[in-house]
Amino acid sequence: MTPRRREPGPLARTLARLRARAWLSRERLAEFSGVSVDLIASLEQGRLANPTLNTLLGLAGALGVEVAELIQGVRKHREGDA
């Protein structure tokens, strides 16, 4: 039996969208944010959905957005689950 592949969540999609909008590769985003390429890939692919605040701050700073913009989709999703 093969493991079921999870769809990327709102944070994954938002991060990928913002990175593409900034015309940054994962490698360049890693350089600017201080977050490893592997961690960025894990977030974008939905393998990790709960990054630390320091990770979010680094990514948001490198992308020129507020942390709230990165997690907005996650917040909306959780509100809808209640």
PDB file of N, CA and C in Angstrom:
ATOM      1  N   MET A   1       0.843  -1.177   0.000  1.00  0.00           N
ATOM      2  CA  MET A   1       0.000   0.000   0.000  1.00  0.00           C
ATOM      3  C   MET A   1       0.891   1.245   0.000  1.00  0.00           C
ATOM      4  N   THR A   2       0.620   2.163  -0.911  1.00  0.00           N
ATOM      5  CA  THR A   2       1.413   3.380  -0.992  1.00  0.00           C
ATOM      6  C   THR A   2       0.822   4.454  -0.093  1.00  0.00           C
ATOM      7  N   PRO A   3       1.685   5.304   0.495  1.00  0.00           N
ATOM      8  CA  PRO A   3       1.164   6.359   1.362  1.00  0.00           C
ATOM      9  C   PRO A   3       0.336   7.357   0.553  1.00  0.00           C
ATOM     10  N   ARG A   4      -0.679   7.854   1.175  1.00  0.00           N
ATOM     11  CA  ARG A   4      -1.557   8.831   0.538  1.00  0.00           C
ATOM     12  C   ARG A   4      -0.870  10.195   0.541  1.00  0.00           C
ATOM     13  N   ARG A   5      -0.829  10.829  -0.620  1.00  0.00           N
ATOM     14  CA  ARG A   5      -0.192  12.139  -0.741  1.00  0.00           C
ATOM     15  C   ARG A   5      -1.179  13.211  -0.312  1.00  0.00           C
ATOM     16  N   ARG A   6      -0.735  14.082   0.595  1.00  0.00           N
ATOM     17  CA  ARG A   6      -1.583  15.173   1.087  1.00  0.00           C
ATOM     18  C   ARG A   6      -1.488  16.361   0.149  1.00  0.00           C
ATOM     19  N   GLU A   7      -2.581  17.039  -0.036  1.00  0.00           N
ATOM     20  CA  GLU A   7      -2.594  18.263  -0.820  1.00  0.00           C
ATOM     21  C   GLU A   7      -1.988  19.384   0.027  1.00  0.00           C
ATOM     22  N   PRO A   8      -1.214  20.273  -0.600  1.00  0.00           N
ATOM     23  CA  PRO A   8      -0.678  21.411   0.143  1.00  0.00           C
ATOM     24  C   PRO A   8      -1.800  22.281   0.688  1.00  0.00           C
ATOM     25  N   GLY A   9      -1.646  22.759   1.901  1.00  0.00           N
ATOM     26  CA  GLY A   9      -2.654  23.588   2.543  1.00  0.00           C
ATOM     27  C   GLY A   9      -2.512  25.051   2.172  1.00  0.00           C
ATOM     28  N   PRO A  10      -3.297  25.895   2.806  1.00  0.00           N
ATOM     29  CA  PRO A  10      -3.289  27.328   2.500  1.00  0.00           C
ATOM     30  C   PRO A  10      -1.917  27.987   2.686  1.00  0.00           C
ATOM     31  N   LEU A  11      -1.194  27.630   3.731  1.00  0.00           N
ATOM     32  CA  LEU A  11       0.134  28.228   3.943  1.00  0.00           C
ATOM     33  C   LEU A  11       1.065  27.859   2.791  1.00  0.00           C
ATOM     34  N   ALA A  12       1.032  26.610   2.367  1.00  0.00           N
ATOM     35  CA  ALA A  12       1.882  26.157   1.267  1.00  0.00           C
ATOM     36  C   ALA A  12       1.581  26.932  -0.006  1.00  0.00           C
ATOM     37  N   ARG A  13       0.310  27.059  -0.320  1.00  0.00           N
ATOM     38  CA  ARG A  13      -0.075  27.774  -1.545  1.00  0.00           C
ATOM     39  C   ARG A  13       0.281  29.254  -1.463  1.00  0.00           C
ATOM     40  N   THR A  14       0.058  29.867  -0.303  1.00  0.00           N
ATOM     41  CA  THR A  14       0.367  31.288  -0.135  1.00  0.00           C
ATOM     42  C   THR A  14       1.865  31.533  -0.266  1.00  0.00           C
ATOM     43  N   LEU A  15       2.675  30.712   0.377  1.00  0.00           N
ATOM     44  CA  LEU A  15       4.128  30.877   0.302  1.00  0.00           C
ATOM     45  C   LEU A  15       4.608  30.737  -1.137  1.00  0.00           C
ATOM     46  N   ALA A  16       4.146  29.729  -1.845  1.00  0.00           N
ATOM     47  CA  ALA A  16       4.557  29.525  -3.231  1.00  0.00           C
ATOM     48  C   ALA A  16       4.125  30.701  -4.103  1.00  0.00           C
ATOM     49  N   ARG A  17       2.921  31.210  -3.880  1.00  0.00           N
ATOM     50  CA  ARG A  17       2.410  32.339  -4.660  1.00  0.00           C
ATOM     51  C   ARG A  17       3.242  33.593  -4.408  1.00  0.00           C
ATOM     52  N   LEU A  18       3.527  33.881  -3.144  1.00  0.00           N
ATOM     53  CA  LEU A  18       4.306  35.068  -2.807  1.00  0.00           C
ATOM     54  C   LEU A  18       5.740  34.969  -3.329  1.00  0.00           C
ATOM     55  N   ARG A  19       6.301  33.778  -3.271  1.00  0.00           N
ATOM     56  CA  ARG A  19       7.668  33.584  -3.778  1.00  0.00           C
ATOM     57  C   ARG A  19       7.702  33.799  -5.286  1.00  0.00           C
ATOM     58  N   ALA A  20       6.713  33.262  -5.984  1.00  0.00           N
ATOM     59  CA  ALA A  20       6.647  33.436  -7.437  1.00  0.00           C
ATOM     60  C   ALA A  20       6.428  34.911  -7.791  1.00  0.00           C
ATOM     61  N   ARG A  21       5.567  35.576  -7.035  1.00  0.00           N
ATOM     62  CA  ARG A  21       5.284  36.995  -7.274  1.00  0.00           C
ATOM     63  C   ARG A  21       6.547  37.842  -7.097  1.00  0.00           C
ATOM     64  N   ALA A  22       7.421  37.434  -6.189  1.00  0.00           N
ATOM     65  CA  ALA A  22       8.675  38.157  -5.942  1.00  0.00           C
ATOM     66  C   ALA A  22       9.793  37.720  -6.900  1.00  0.00           C
ATOM     67  N   TRP A  23       9.498  36.778  -7.793  1.00  0.00           N
ATOM     68  CA  TRP A  23      10.468  36.268  -8.759  1.00  0.00           C
ATOM     69  C   TRP A  23      11.698  35.687  -8.057  1.00  0.00           C
ATOM     70  N   LEU A  24      11.464  34.947  -6.972  1.00  0.00           N
ATOM     71  CA  LEU A  24      12.567  34.352  -6.216  1.00  0.00           C
ATOM     72  C   LEU A  24      12.555  32.839  -6.352  1.00  0.00           C
ATOM     73  N   SER A  25      13.730  32.270  -6.553  1.00  0.00           N
ATOM     74  CA  SER A  25      13.861  30.819  -6.472  1.00  0.00           C
ATOM     75  C   SER A  25      13.845  30.441  -4.992  1.00  0.00           C
ATOM     76  N   ARG A  26      13.710  29.178  -4.722  1.00  0.00           N
ATOM     77  CA  ARG A  26      13.788  28.729  -3.323  1.00  0.00           C
ATOM     78  C   ARG A  26      15.165  29.051  -2.751  1.00  0.00           C
ATOM     79  N   GLU A  27      16.180  28.908  -3.580  1.00  0.00           N
ATOM     80  CA  GLU A  27      17.545  29.175  -3.120  1.00  0.00           C
ATOM     81  C   GLU A  27      17.728  30.640  -2.734  1.00  0.00           C
ATOM     82  N   ARG A  28      17.220  31.551  -3.559  1.00  0.00           N
ATOM     83  CA  ARG A  28      17.348  32.978  -3.255  1.00  0.00           C
ATOM     84  C   ARG A  28      16.520  33.342  -2.020  1.00  0.00           C
ATOM     85  N   LEU A  29      15.314  32.784  -1.922  1.00  0.00           N
ATOM     86  CA  LEU A  29      14.499  33.042  -0.738  1.00  0.00           C
ATOM     87  C   LEU A  29      15.216  32.543   0.510  1.00  0.00           C
ATOM     88  N   ALA A  30      15.858  31.401   0.407  1.00  0.00           N
ATOM     89  CA  ALA A  30      16.620  30.865   1.539  1.00  0.00           C
ATOM     90  C   ALA A  30      17.738  31.826   1.937  1.00  0.00           C
ATOM     91  N   GLU A  31      18.451  32.364   0.950  1.00  0.00           N
ATOM     92  CA  GLU A  31      19.527  33.316   1.238  1.00  0.00           C
ATOM     93  C   GLU A  31      19.004  34.556   1.953  1.00  0.00           C
ATOM     94  N   PHE A  32      17.913  35.100   1.448  1.00  0.00           N
ATOM     95  CA  PHE A  32      17.369  36.347   1.987  1.00  0.00           C
ATOM     96  C   PHE A  32      16.678  36.169   3.335  1.00  0.00           C
ATOM     97  N   SER A  33      16.119  34.983   3.569  1.00  0.00           N
ATOM     98  CA  SER A  33      15.305  34.773   4.774  1.00  0.00           C
ATOM     99  C   SER A  33      16.046  34.101   5.913  1.00  0.00           C
ATOM    100  N   GLY A  34      17.147  33.412   5.602  1.00  0.00           N
ATOM    101  CA  GLY A  34      17.828  32.640   6.630  1.00  0.00           C
ATOM    102  C   GLY A  34      17.151  31.310   6.925  1.00  0.00           C
ATOM    103  N   VAL A  35      16.228  30.909   6.064  1.00  0.00           N
ATOM    104  CA  VAL A  35      15.503  29.642   6.194  1.00  0.00           C
ATOM    105  C   VAL A  35      16.083  28.687   5.157  1.00  0.00           C
ATOM    106  N   SER A  36      16.287  27.438   5.506  1.00  0.00           N
ATOM    107  CA  SER A  36      16.910  26.501   4.577  1.00  0.00           C
ATOM    108  C   SER A  36      16.011  26.212   3.372  1.00  0.00           C
ATOM    109  N   VAL A  37      16.670  25.852   2.275  1.00  0.00           N
ATOM    110  CA  VAL A  37      15.938  25.478   1.060  1.00  0.00           C
ATOM    111  C   VAL A  37      15.040  24.285   1.346  1.00  0.00           C
ATOM    112  N   ASP A  38      15.541  23.316   2.107  1.00  0.00           N
ATOM    113  CA  ASP A  38      14.745  22.127   2.437  1.00  0.00           C
ATOM    114  C   ASP A  38      13.486  22.491   3.214  1.00  0.00           C
ATOM    115  N   LEU A  39      13.593  23.433   4.144  1.00  0.00           N
ATOM    116  CA  LEU A  39      12.434  23.838   4.921  1.00  0.00           C
ATOM    117  C   LEU A  39      11.429  24.572   4.038  1.00  0.00           C
ATOM    118  N   ILE A  40      11.905  25.435   3.157  1.00  0.00           N
ATOM    119  CA  ILE A  40      11.003  26.130   2.236  1.00  0.00           C
ATOM    120  C   ILE A  40      10.275  25.115   1.363  1.00  0.00           C
ATOM    121  N   ALA A  41      10.998  24.133   0.837  1.00  0.00           N
ATOM    122  CA  ALA A  41      10.377  23.092   0.009  1.00  0.00           C
ATOM    123  C   ALA A  41       9.345  22.308   0.814  1.00  0.00           C
ATOM    124  N   SER A  42       9.677  21.958   2.044  1.00  0.00           N
ATOM    125  CA  SER A  42       8.732  21.215   2.892  1.00  0.00           C
ATOM    126  C   SER A  42       7.462  22.015   3.142  1.00  0.00           C
ATOM    127  N   LEU A  43       7.601  23.311   3.358  1.00  0.00           N
ATOM    128  CA  LEU A  43       6.431  24.167   3.579  1.00  0.00           C
ATOM    129  C   LEU A  43       5.583  24.265   2.312  1.00  0.00           C
ATOM    130  N   GLU A  44       6.227  24.491   1.179  1.00  0.00           N
ATOM    131  CA  GLU A  44       5.488  24.648  -0.071  1.00  0.00           C
ATOM    132  C   GLU A  44       4.814  23.347  -0.518  1.00  0.00           C
ATOM    133  N   GLN A  45       5.389  22.227  -0.170  1.00  0.00           N
ATOM    134  CA  GLN A  45       4.827  20.939  -0.566  1.00  0.00           C
ATOM    135  C   GLN A  45       3.829  20.394   0.449  1.00  0.00           C
ATOM    136  N   GLY A  46       3.643  21.126   1.540  1.00  0.00           N
ATOM    137  CA  GLY A  46       2.674  20.705   2.537  1.00  0.00           C
ATOM    138  C   GLY A  46       3.153  19.613   3.476  1.00  0.00           C
ATOM    139  N   ARG A  47       4.445  19.313   3.460  1.00  0.00           N
ATOM    140  CA  ARG A  47       4.976  18.290   4.373  1.00  0.00           C
ATOM    141  C   ARG A  47       5.142  18.835   5.775  1.00  0.00           C
ATOM    142  N   LEU A  48       5.206  20.151   5.897  1.00  0.00           N
ATOM    143  CA  LEU A  48       5.290  20.818   7.193  1.00  0.00           C
ATOM    144  C   LEU A  48       4.301  21.966   7.165  1.00  0.00           C
ATOM    145  N   ALA A  49       3.403  22.009   8.130  1.00  0.00           N
ATOM    146  CA  ALA A  49       2.339  23.024   8.117  1.00  0.00           C
ATOM    147  C   ALA A  49       2.392  23.956   9.312  1.00  0.00           C
ATOM    148  N   ASN A  50       3.341  23.752  10.223  1.00  0.00           N
ATOM    149  CA  ASN A  50       3.372  24.593  11.427  1.00  0.00           C
ATOM    150  C   ASN A  50       4.791  25.105  11.709  1.00  0.00           C
ATOM    151  N   PRO A  51       5.256  26.058  10.876  1.00  0.00           N
ATOM    152  CA  PRO A  51       6.600  26.590  11.078  1.00  0.00           C
ATOM    153  C   PRO A  51       6.689  27.444  12.339  1.00  0.00           C
ATOM    154  N   THR A  52       7.895  27.653  12.813  1.00  0.00           N
ATOM    155  CA  THR A  52       8.100  28.497  13.993  1.00  0.00           C
ATOM    156  C   THR A  52       7.887  29.965  13.627  1.00  0.00           C
ATOM    157  N   LEU A  53       7.714  30.775  14.650  1.00  0.00           N
ATOM    158  CA  LEU A  53       7.556  32.207  14.431  1.00  0.00           C
ATOM    159  C   LEU A  53       8.794  32.792  13.769  1.00  0.00           C
ATOM    160  N   ASN A  54       9.977  32.351  14.166  1.00  0.00           N
ATOM    161  CA  ASN A  54      11.212  32.849  13.551  1.00  0.00           C
ATOM    162  C   ASN A  54      11.258  32.534  12.055  1.00  0.00           C
ATOM    163  N   THR A  55      10.785  31.358  11.679  1.00  0.00           N
ATOM    164  CA  THR A  55      10.728  30.991  10.260  1.00  0.00           C
ATOM    165  C   THR A  55       9.773  31.907   9.520  1.00  0.00           C
ATOM    166  N   LEU A  56       8.595  32.122  10.086  1.00  0.00           N
ATOM    167  CA  LEU A  56       7.610  33.002   9.452  1.00  0.00           C
ATOM    168  C   LEU A  56       8.131  34.433   9.331  1.00  0.00           C
ATOM    169  N   LEU A  57       8.799  34.917  10.370  1.00  0.00           N
ATOM    170  CA  LEU A  57       9.356  36.267  10.336  1.00  0.00           C
ATOM    171  C   LEU A  57      10.423  36.396   9.249  1.00  0.00           C
ATOM    172  N   GLY A  58      11.277  35.402   9.136  1.00  0.00           N
ATOM    173  CA  GLY A  58      12.310  35.426   8.104  1.00  0.00           C
ATOM    174  C   GLY A  58      11.735  35.407   6.702  1.00  0.00           C
ATOM    175  N   LEU A  59      10.761  34.529   6.484  1.00  0.00           N
ATOM    176  CA  LEU A  59      10.140  34.437   5.164  1.00  0.00           C
ATOM    177  C   LEU A  59       9.377  35.715   4.820  1.00  0.00           C
ATOM    178  N   ALA A  60       8.600  36.209   5.766  1.00  0.00           N
ATOM    179  CA  ALA A  60       7.826  37.423   5.523  1.00  0.00           C
ATOM    180  C   ALA A  60       8.753  38.600   5.217  1.00  0.00           C
ATOM    181  N   GLY A  61       9.814  38.733   5.979  1.00  0.00           N
ATOM    182  CA  GLY A  61      10.759  39.822   5.741  1.00  0.00           C
ATOM    183  C   GLY A  61      11.394  39.743   4.361  1.00  0.00           C
ATOM    184  N   ALA A  62      11.792  38.550   3.955  1.00  0.00           N
ATOM    185  CA  ALA A  62      12.419  38.369   2.653  1.00  0.00           C
ATOM    186  C   ALA A  62      11.436  38.608   1.507  1.00  0.00           C
ATOM    187  N   LEU A  63      10.165  38.321   1.751  1.00  0.00           N
ATOM    188  CA  LEU A  63       9.137  38.495   0.721  1.00  0.00           C
ATOM    189  C   LEU A  63       8.522  39.891   0.740  1.00  0.00           C
ATOM    190  N   GLY A  64       8.849  40.671   1.761  1.00  0.00           N
ATOM    191  CA  GLY A  64       8.317  42.026   1.856  1.00  0.00           C
ATOM    192  C   GLY A  64       6.846  42.088   2.214  1.00  0.00           C
ATOM    193  N   VAL A  65       6.399  41.116   3.025  1.00  0.00           N
ATOM    194  CA  VAL A  65       5.002  41.081   3.462  1.00  0.00           C
ATOM    195  C   VAL A  65       4.950  40.945   4.980  1.00  0.00           C
ATOM    196  N   GLU A  66       3.786  41.144   5.534  1.00  0.00           N
ATOM    197  CA  GLU A  66       3.563  40.916   6.965  1.00  0.00           C
ATOM    198  C   GLU A  66       3.370  39.413   7.197  1.00  0.00           C
ATOM    199  N   VAL A  67       3.708  38.952   8.379  1.00  0.00           N
ATOM    200  CA  VAL A  67       3.484  37.546   8.731  1.00  0.00           C
ATOM    201  C   VAL A  67       2.010  37.191   8.543  1.00  0.00           C
ATOM    202  N   ALA A  68       1.128  38.113   8.855  1.00  0.00           N
ATOM    203  CA  ALA A  68      -0.312  37.855   8.713  1.00  0.00           C
ATOM    204  C   ALA A  68      -0.677  37.465   7.290  1.00  0.00           C
ATOM    205  N   GLU A  69       0.009  38.039   6.303  1.00  0.00           N
ATOM    206  CA  GLU A  69      -0.297  37.685   4.923  1.00  0.00           C
ATOM    207  C   GLU A  69       0.091  36.240   4.622  1.00  0.00           C
ATOM    208  N   LEU A  70       1.164  35.763   5.242  1.00  0.00           N
ATOM    209  CA  LEU A  70       1.566  34.366   5.057  1.00  0.00           C
ATOM    210  C   LEU A  70       0.553  33.400   5.672  1.00  0.00           C
ATOM    211  N   ILE A  71       0.020  33.758   6.836  1.00  0.00           N
ATOM    212  CA  ILE A  71      -0.843  32.813   7.550  1.00  0.00           C
ATOM    213  C   ILE A  71      -2.330  33.111   7.394  1.00  0.00           C
ATOM    214  N   GLN A  72      -2.674  34.122   6.642  1.00  0.00           N
ATOM    215  CA  GLN A  72      -4.078  34.495   6.492  1.00  0.00           C
ATOM    216  C   GLN A  72      -4.929  33.319   6.016  1.00  0.00           C
ATOM    217  N   GLY A  73      -4.473  32.607   5.013  1.00  0.00           N
ATOM    218  CA  GLY A  73      -5.241  31.466   4.519  1.00  0.00           C
ATOM    219  C   GLY A  73      -5.416  30.399   5.573  1.00  0.00           C
ATOM    220  N   VAL A  74      -4.386  30.184   6.393  1.00  0.00           N
ATOM    221  CA  VAL A  74      -4.475  29.195   7.466  1.00  0.00           C
ATOM    222  C   VAL A  74      -5.530  29.626   8.474  1.00  0.00           C
ATOM    223  N   ARG A  75      -5.528  30.914   8.831  1.00  0.00           N
ATOM    224  CA  ARG A  75      -6.499  31.420   9.791  1.00  0.00           C
ATOM    225  C   ARG A  75      -7.921  31.268   9.252  1.00  0.00           C
ATOM    226  N   LYS A  76      -8.149  31.616   8.002  1.00  0.00           N
ATOM    227  CA  LYS A  76      -9.478  31.492   7.404  1.00  0.00           C
ATOM    228  C   LYS A  76      -9.930  30.045   7.404  1.00  0.00           C
ATOM    229  N   HIS A  77      -9.011  29.143   7.068  1.00  0.00           N
ATOM    230  CA  HIS A  77      -9.339  27.732   7.035  1.00  0.00           C
ATOM    231  C   HIS A  77      -9.766  27.239   8.423  1.00  0.00           C
ATOM    232  N   ARG A  78      -9.015  27.620   9.430  1.00  0.00           N
ATOM    233  CA  ARG A  78      -9.347  27.171  10.788  1.00  0.00           C
ATOM    234  C   ARG A  78     -10.657  27.761  11.284  1.00  0.00           C
ATOM    235  N   GLU A  79     -10.945  29.008  10.945  1.00  0.00           N
ATOM    236  CA  GLU A  79     -12.214  29.601  11.341  1.00  0.00           C
ATOM    237  C   GLU A  79     -13.364  28.846  10.716  1.00  0.00           C
ATOM    238  N   GLY A  80     -13.194  28.416   9.483  1.00  0.00           N
ATOM    239  CA  GLY A  80     -14.256  27.686   8.777  1.00  0.00           C
ATOM    240  C   GLY A  80     -14.490  26.301   9.351  1.00  0.00           C
ATOM    241  N   ASP A  81     -13.479  25.740  10.012  1.00  0.00           N
ATOM    242  CA  ASP A  81     -13.629  24.407  10.594  1.00  0.00           C
ATOM    243  C   ASP A  81     -14.440  24.418  11.881  1.00  0.00           C
ATOM    244  N   ALA A  82     -14.503  25.563  12.536  1.00  0.00           N
ATOM    245  CA  ALA A  82     -15.148  25.642  13.865  1.00  0.00           C
ATOM    246  C   ALA A  82     -16.638  25.422  13.798  1.00  0.00           C
TER     247      ALA A  82
END
